[in-house]
Amino acid sequence: MGFEVFQKSSAPVSKVPTVTVQRRGIMSMNRASHRLIGEPEFVELLWDAERQVIGLRPTDSSNPNAYPVRSQGSGDKGPLLVAGTMFTRYYDINTDESRRWVPEVEDGVLCVHMTRDSQSVTSNRSRRTPAAASG
């Protein structure tokens, strides 16, 4: 049996803040990123075209531009999702592949610098399970 390379991007990252823009434009952030901006229930999506930066700014449900931050996992585990499909389409942000960045906070806004280094991310669901691979 040959060796398989462990894909570092597949391992759960809990302490380093990360934001992933998925193939369909959905954005996911880990709990560390969510904590950086005060764990809001809603965010506004911002775009700085000159710098190529996506911003997630905390807001509340009364804001007509508010997007809910939804938990994907159970309890306080797992990533948090923001529906960004219309946003990425409107601003023509490339979502041909899922990519993960380490964000930073600028004036209370979680910023994803699209021109900085990022990792390609593959879904666990797209891989064959060991049972299926041997069967």
C-alpha atoms as a PDB file:
ATOM      1  CA  MET A   1       0.000   0.000   0.000  1.00  0.00           C
ATOM      2  CA  GLY A   2       1.416   3.416  -0.966  1.00  0.00           C
ATOM      3  CA  PHE A   3       1.618   6.485   1.190  1.00  0.00           C
ATOM      4  CA  GLU A   4      -1.031   9.161   1.043  1.00  0.00           C
ATOM      5  CA  VAL A   5      -0.010  12.781   1.603  1.00  0.00           C
ATOM      6  CA  PHE A   6      -1.837  14.361   4.536  1.00  0.00           C
ATOM      7  CA  GLN A   7      -3.488  17.543   3.297  1.00  0.00           C
ATOM      8  CA  LYS A   8      -2.828  20.163   5.938  1.00  0.00           C
ATOM      9  CA  SER A   9      -5.854  22.145   4.752  1.00  0.00           C
ATOM     10  CA  SER A  10      -8.086  19.230   5.765  1.00  0.00           C
ATOM     11  CA  ALA A  11      -7.161  19.372   9.445  1.00  0.00           C
ATOM     12  CA  PRO A  12      -9.474  21.376  11.686  1.00  0.00           C
ATOM     13  CA  VAL A  13      -7.915  24.702  12.568  1.00  0.00           C
ATOM     14  CA  SER A  14      -9.260  26.000  15.838  1.00  0.00           C
ATOM     15  CA  LYS A  15      -6.731  28.448  17.273  1.00  0.00           C
ATOM     16  CA  VAL A  16      -5.637  30.302  14.138  1.00  0.00           C
ATOM     17  CA  PRO A  17      -8.401  32.542  12.788  1.00  0.00           C
ATOM     18  CA  THR A  18      -9.452  31.528   9.268  1.00  0.00           C
ATOM     19  CA  VAL A  19     -12.076  32.505   6.721  1.00  0.00           C
ATOM     20  CA  THR A  20     -12.896  30.314   3.733  1.00  0.00           C
ATOM     21  CA  VAL A  21     -14.685  31.465   0.612  1.00  0.00           C
ATOM     22  CA  GLN A  22     -16.296  28.294  -0.679  1.00  0.00           C
ATOM     23  CA  ARG A  23     -16.956  27.391  -4.303  1.00  0.00           C
ATOM     24  CA  ARG A  24     -20.483  28.770  -4.340  1.00  0.00           C
ATOM     25  CA  GLY A  25     -19.573  31.946  -2.488  1.00  0.00           C
ATOM     26  CA  ILE A  26     -20.621  30.834   0.972  1.00  0.00           C
ATOM     27  CA  MET A  27     -18.161  32.135   3.546  1.00  0.00           C
ATOM     28  CA  SER A  28     -17.176  30.125   6.567  1.00  0.00           C
ATOM     29  CA  MET A  29     -15.187  31.338   9.520  1.00  0.00           C
ATOM     30  CA  ASN A  30     -13.854  29.369  12.405  1.00  0.00           C
ATOM     31  CA  ARG A  31     -14.674  30.255  16.005  1.00  0.00           C
ATOM     32  CA  ALA A  32     -11.354  32.091  16.442  1.00  0.00           C
ATOM     33  CA  SER A  33     -12.286  34.512  13.615  1.00  0.00           C
ATOM     34  CA  HIS A  34     -15.783  34.960  15.017  1.00  0.00           C
ATOM     35  CA  ARG A  35     -14.336  35.868  18.430  1.00  0.00           C
ATOM     36  CA  LEU A  36     -12.095  38.539  16.825  1.00  0.00           C
ATOM     37  CA  ILE A  37     -15.178  40.598  15.954  1.00  0.00           C
ATOM     38  CA  GLY A  38     -17.163  39.972  19.129  1.00  0.00           C
ATOM     39  CA  GLU A  39     -19.152  36.864  18.096  1.00  0.00           C
ATOM     40  CA  PRO A  40     -21.941  38.739  16.275  1.00  0.00           C
ATOM     41  CA  GLU A  41     -25.189  37.054  15.243  1.00  0.00           C
ATOM     42  CA  PHE A  42     -25.268  39.183  12.058  1.00  0.00           C
ATOM     43  CA  VAL A  43     -22.683  40.766   9.761  1.00  0.00           C
ATOM     44  CA  GLU A  44     -22.657  43.162   6.837  1.00  0.00           C
ATOM     45  CA  LEU A  45     -20.585  42.142   3.826  1.00  0.00           C
ATOM     46  CA  LEU A  46     -18.217  44.830   2.569  1.00  0.00           C
ATOM     47  CA  TRP A  47     -15.948  45.010  -0.502  1.00  0.00           C
ATOM     48  CA  ASP A  48     -12.882  47.201  -1.028  1.00  0.00           C
ATOM     49  CA  ALA A  49     -12.276  46.892  -4.794  1.00  0.00           C
ATOM     50  CA  GLU A  50      -9.016  48.843  -4.754  1.00  0.00           C
ATOM     51  CA  ARG A  51      -7.380  46.591  -2.146  1.00  0.00           C
ATOM     52  CA  GLN A  52      -9.349  43.421  -3.069  1.00  0.00           C
ATOM     53  CA  VAL A  53     -10.542  42.943   0.527  1.00  0.00           C
ATOM     54  CA  ILE A  54     -13.750  41.322   1.766  1.00  0.00           C
ATOM     55  CA  GLY A  55     -14.980  42.740   5.057  1.00  0.00           C
ATOM     56  CA  LEU A  56     -17.371  41.214   7.566  1.00  0.00           C
ATOM     57  CA  ARG A  57     -18.650  43.903   9.929  1.00  0.00           C
ATOM     58  CA  PRO A  58     -20.765  43.074  12.977  1.00  0.00           C
ATOM     59  CA  THR A  59     -24.304  44.454  12.860  1.00  0.00           C
ATOM     60  CA  ASP A  60     -27.752  43.558  14.179  1.00  0.00           C
ATOM     61  CA  SER A  61     -30.917  42.105  12.706  1.00  0.00           C
ATOM     62  CA  SER A  62     -32.512  45.546  12.207  1.00  0.00           C
ATOM     63  CA  ASN A  63     -29.956  46.370   9.490  1.00  0.00           C
ATOM     64  CA  PRO A  64     -31.518  45.680   6.055  1.00  0.00           C
ATOM     65  CA  ASN A  65     -28.070  44.523   4.834  1.00  0.00           C
ATOM     66  CA  ALA A  66     -27.545  42.069   7.694  1.00  0.00           C
ATOM     67  CA  TYR A  67     -26.594  38.478   6.975  1.00  0.00           C
ATOM     68  CA  PRO A  68     -27.100  35.902   9.743  1.00  0.00           C
ATOM     69  CA  VAL A  69     -24.049  34.053  11.013  1.00  0.00           C
ATOM     70  CA  ARG A  70     -25.187  30.422  11.147  1.00  0.00           C
ATOM     71  CA  SER A  71     -23.505  27.609  13.042  1.00  0.00           C
ATOM     72  CA  GLN A  72     -22.745  24.554  10.935  1.00  0.00           C
ATOM     73  CA  GLY A  73     -21.795  22.294  13.800  1.00  0.00           C
ATOM     74  CA  SER A  74     -23.574  21.385  16.981  1.00  0.00           C
ATOM     75  CA  GLY A  75     -23.235  23.641  19.984  1.00  0.00           C
ATOM     76  CA  ASP A  76     -20.117  25.789  19.945  1.00  0.00           C
ATOM     77  CA  LYS A  77     -18.162  23.488  17.628  1.00  0.00           C
ATOM     78  CA  GLY A  78     -17.652  23.706  13.908  1.00  0.00           C
ATOM     79  CA  PRO A  79     -17.494  26.616  11.503  1.00  0.00           C
ATOM     80  CA  LEU A  80     -19.908  29.492  11.137  1.00  0.00           C
ATOM     81  CA  LEU A  81     -21.457  30.250   7.763  1.00  0.00           C
ATOM     82  CA  VAL A  82     -22.466  33.458   6.014  1.00  0.00           C
ATOM     83  CA  ALA A  83     -24.431  33.253   2.753  1.00  0.00           C
ATOM     84  CA  GLY A  84     -22.214  35.221   0.376  1.00  0.00           C
ATOM     85  CA  THR A  85     -23.263  33.816  -3.007  1.00  0.00           C
ATOM     86  CA  MET A  86     -25.011  36.988  -4.254  1.00  0.00           C
ATOM     87  CA  PHE A  87     -22.144  39.110  -2.856  1.00  0.00           C
ATOM     88  CA  THR A  88     -19.404  37.158  -4.649  1.00  0.00           C
ATOM     89  CA  ARG A  89     -21.388  37.126  -7.899  1.00  0.00           C
ATOM     90  CA  TYR A  90     -22.129  40.856  -7.759  1.00  0.00           C
ATOM     91  CA  TYR A  91     -18.481  41.768  -7.218  1.00  0.00           C
ATOM     92  CA  ASP A  92     -17.226  39.028  -9.588  1.00  0.00           C
ATOM     93  CA  ILE A  93     -15.091  37.425  -6.869  1.00  0.00           C
ATOM     94  CA  ASN A  94     -13.531  34.223  -8.144  1.00  0.00           C
ATOM     95  CA  THR A  95     -15.043  31.178  -6.440  1.00  0.00           C
ATOM     96  CA  ASP A  96     -13.790  28.513  -8.878  1.00  0.00           C
ATOM     97  CA  GLU A  97     -12.206  26.755  -5.913  1.00  0.00           C
ATOM     98  CA  SER A  98     -12.602  27.016  -2.157  1.00  0.00           C
ATOM     99  CA  ARG A  99      -9.785  29.033  -0.604  1.00  0.00           C
ATOM    100  CA  ARG A 100      -8.854  29.784   3.023  1.00  0.00           C
ATOM    101  CA  TRP A 101      -7.199  32.936   4.366  1.00  0.00           C
ATOM    102  CA  VAL A 102      -5.990  34.149   7.743  1.00  0.00           C
ATOM    103  CA  PRO A 103      -7.995  37.354   8.275  1.00  0.00           C
ATOM    104  CA  GLU A 104      -7.137  40.418  10.284  1.00  0.00           C
ATOM    105  CA  VAL A 105      -9.276  43.012  12.005  1.00  0.00           C
ATOM    106  CA  GLU A 106      -9.269  46.627  10.821  1.00  0.00           C
ATOM    107  CA  ASP A 107     -11.468  49.071  12.750  1.00  0.00           C
ATOM    108  CA  GLY A 108     -13.737  46.273  13.987  1.00  0.00           C
ATOM    109  CA  VAL A 109     -14.101  44.707  10.519  1.00  0.00           C
ATOM    110  CA  LEU A 110     -12.875  41.152   9.849  1.00  0.00           C
ATOM    111  CA  CYS A 111     -10.838  41.587   6.646  1.00  0.00           C
ATOM    112  CA  VAL A 112      -9.966  38.919   4.100  1.00  0.00           C
ATOM    113  CA  HIS A 113      -7.216  40.163   1.779  1.00  0.00           C
ATOM    114  CA  MET A 114      -7.861  38.234  -1.420  1.00  0.00           C
ATOM    115  CA  THR A 115      -4.417  39.035  -2.863  1.00  0.00           C
ATOM    116  CA  ARG A 116      -2.544  37.510   0.074  1.00  0.00           C
ATOM    117  CA  ASP A 117      -1.431  33.910   0.472  1.00  0.00           C
ATOM    118  CA  SER A 118      -4.250  31.415   0.824  1.00  0.00           C
ATOM    119  CA  GLN A 119      -4.765  27.660   0.850  1.00  0.00           C
ATOM    120  CA  SER A 120      -6.873  25.617  -1.486  1.00  0.00           C
ATOM    121  CA  VAL A 121      -9.473  23.723   0.533  1.00  0.00           C
ATOM    122  CA  THR A 122     -11.039  20.416  -0.398  1.00  0.00           C
ATOM    123  CA  SER A 123     -14.222  19.096   1.129  1.00  0.00           C
ATOM    124  CA  ASN A 124     -14.168  15.927   3.206  1.00  0.00           C
ATOM    125  CA  ARG A 125     -17.406  14.956   1.453  1.00  0.00           C
ATOM    126  CA  SER A 126     -15.676  14.787  -1.926  1.00  0.00           C
ATOM    127  CA  ARG A 127     -13.185  12.162  -0.793  1.00  0.00           C
ATOM    128  CA  ARG A 128     -13.745   8.444  -0.824  1.00  0.00           C
ATOM    129  CA  THR A 129     -13.979   6.805   2.556  1.00  0.00           C
ATOM    130  CA  PRO A 130     -11.430   4.090   3.402  1.00  0.00           C
ATOM    131  CA  ALA A 131     -14.204   1.460   3.217  1.00  0.00           C
ATOM    132  CA  ALA A 132     -15.249   2.627  -0.242  1.00  0.00           C
ATOM    133  CA  ALA A 133     -11.623   2.769  -1.395  1.00  0.00           C
ATOM    134  CA  SER A 134     -10.946  -0.835  -0.414  1.00  0.00           C
ATOM    135  CA  GLY A 135     -14.280  -2.223  -1.548  1.00  0.00           C
END
